């Protein structure tokens, strides 16, 4: 496809957009939308939620941890084609047009396109959720801090809205859906590649940490079903006997009277195999007692102690960088290996083995959120070879898994680049910077649009936090 700018353009009143096609219009939102406030009498309709990742979705399809109310009577109603905006998070794309009839929080605003604009509400969905419109929603949200910004109905109604001719709106929507179909197909293939590479990596790790590197060494029954036979001089020991377990309670807040710290958070552990100097730690505060207790050290292994889903429990990262102000954050636990008995780098590899990690998955308790007790962490069994063999296994796995790790990193980077391309392309098309009128596009396969969310993120915790804060 060859995409070119429009031939004739006109200036706009918007400071972030220099020009638009001269046949497009700029209307105030109050000319295009009307505010809707209809309440549910029973609260029995489908409960909806909003996130920056994928707009309006059924709450039942999202991993949202907010409490369930006893009754949803009095909640706001919305219908397909209505714009739902979380006024507190409009600046962070906490909005979208609904494809469902359902109920949403009374803190949300609902806007319905007027009759002349109701047929092509999907165009406005892509327009408002584009990166180009972030500026509009941000400047119209008022507050002291970024986390307290709120957009009032009157502010939204004064917002300028780009309005192409109806047939052009349809072509733009068709083009974006066609691009999303191709993007989803690419992302799906990349994710499948990552799965295969992870399976290959898992097989290498499992054999090394349960059988060792010497194929001639005599084996003995471990007495543990999932572990099977192990080298005759190895031991299977509970973590309570080979590590010190510290469950952190340091939150993300900065409180007066506490000391400033850098916080190793859930995402730092979930996304990375190692906590290194280059990890982008967030700033918070902690008491002197908390700093002394939860300051991380080189050789520590940090695991995810809580999660929305059971299979994300016990994800490990080894600490390769320490500092006086660097502490472990909430929802995590520090496993500090006993010197001369267990190496942190070897423990990392053990906990990466799915059969070892399954102990955490089985022990996790919860319904909407899963968590590990300190007792469950301490009860986890790991195979323990002599230190000299641990060193050999760690060195071997560093080399043996290198190709898989590099390929996984490359595939994830390509997914990010694909999404960046899609984001920029959509922004340029919905704001009239690129002309798609001449394109002869094939029909779109709806199943491919639902297969992978183009606005999703492989970092599940980020998605969970977004879904939670918009609820």
Foldseek 3Di string as FASTA:
>chain_A
DDWAFDPAWDQDPDPLDGIFHPQKDKDFLLVWKDWDFDWAQFQPFFEWFFFLLFGIDGPVVDLADDDDDPTRGGFGWDAAQKKKAQQQCLLVNRIAGDRHTGGYHPNIIIIHTPPVNRVLSVLVRLQSSFPSNSVLSQVQFDDDDSNRTGHDPVSRRRGIDIGHPPVQSVLLSQVLLLLLLVLLVLLVVLVVLLVVLLVVLLVLLLCCFLENDDPPADWDAQPDVLSGIYRPQKHKAFLLVFWDKAAAAAAAAADPPFAKAWECEPLNQLVDQAADPPRPTDIHTDHPVRLVRFFDDQQKKKWQFKFQALQRGGRIHGYHDGDSRYGYYHRMMITGGDPQWDTSLLVSSQSSNVSQVVLSSVQWDDDSMTGHDPVSNRGRIGMTDGPVSSVVSSVVSVVVSVVSVVSSVVSLVVSVVSLVVSSVVSNCSSRSRIRSVPDDDDGRDVVSSPSDRSSDDPSVVVRRVRRHVRD
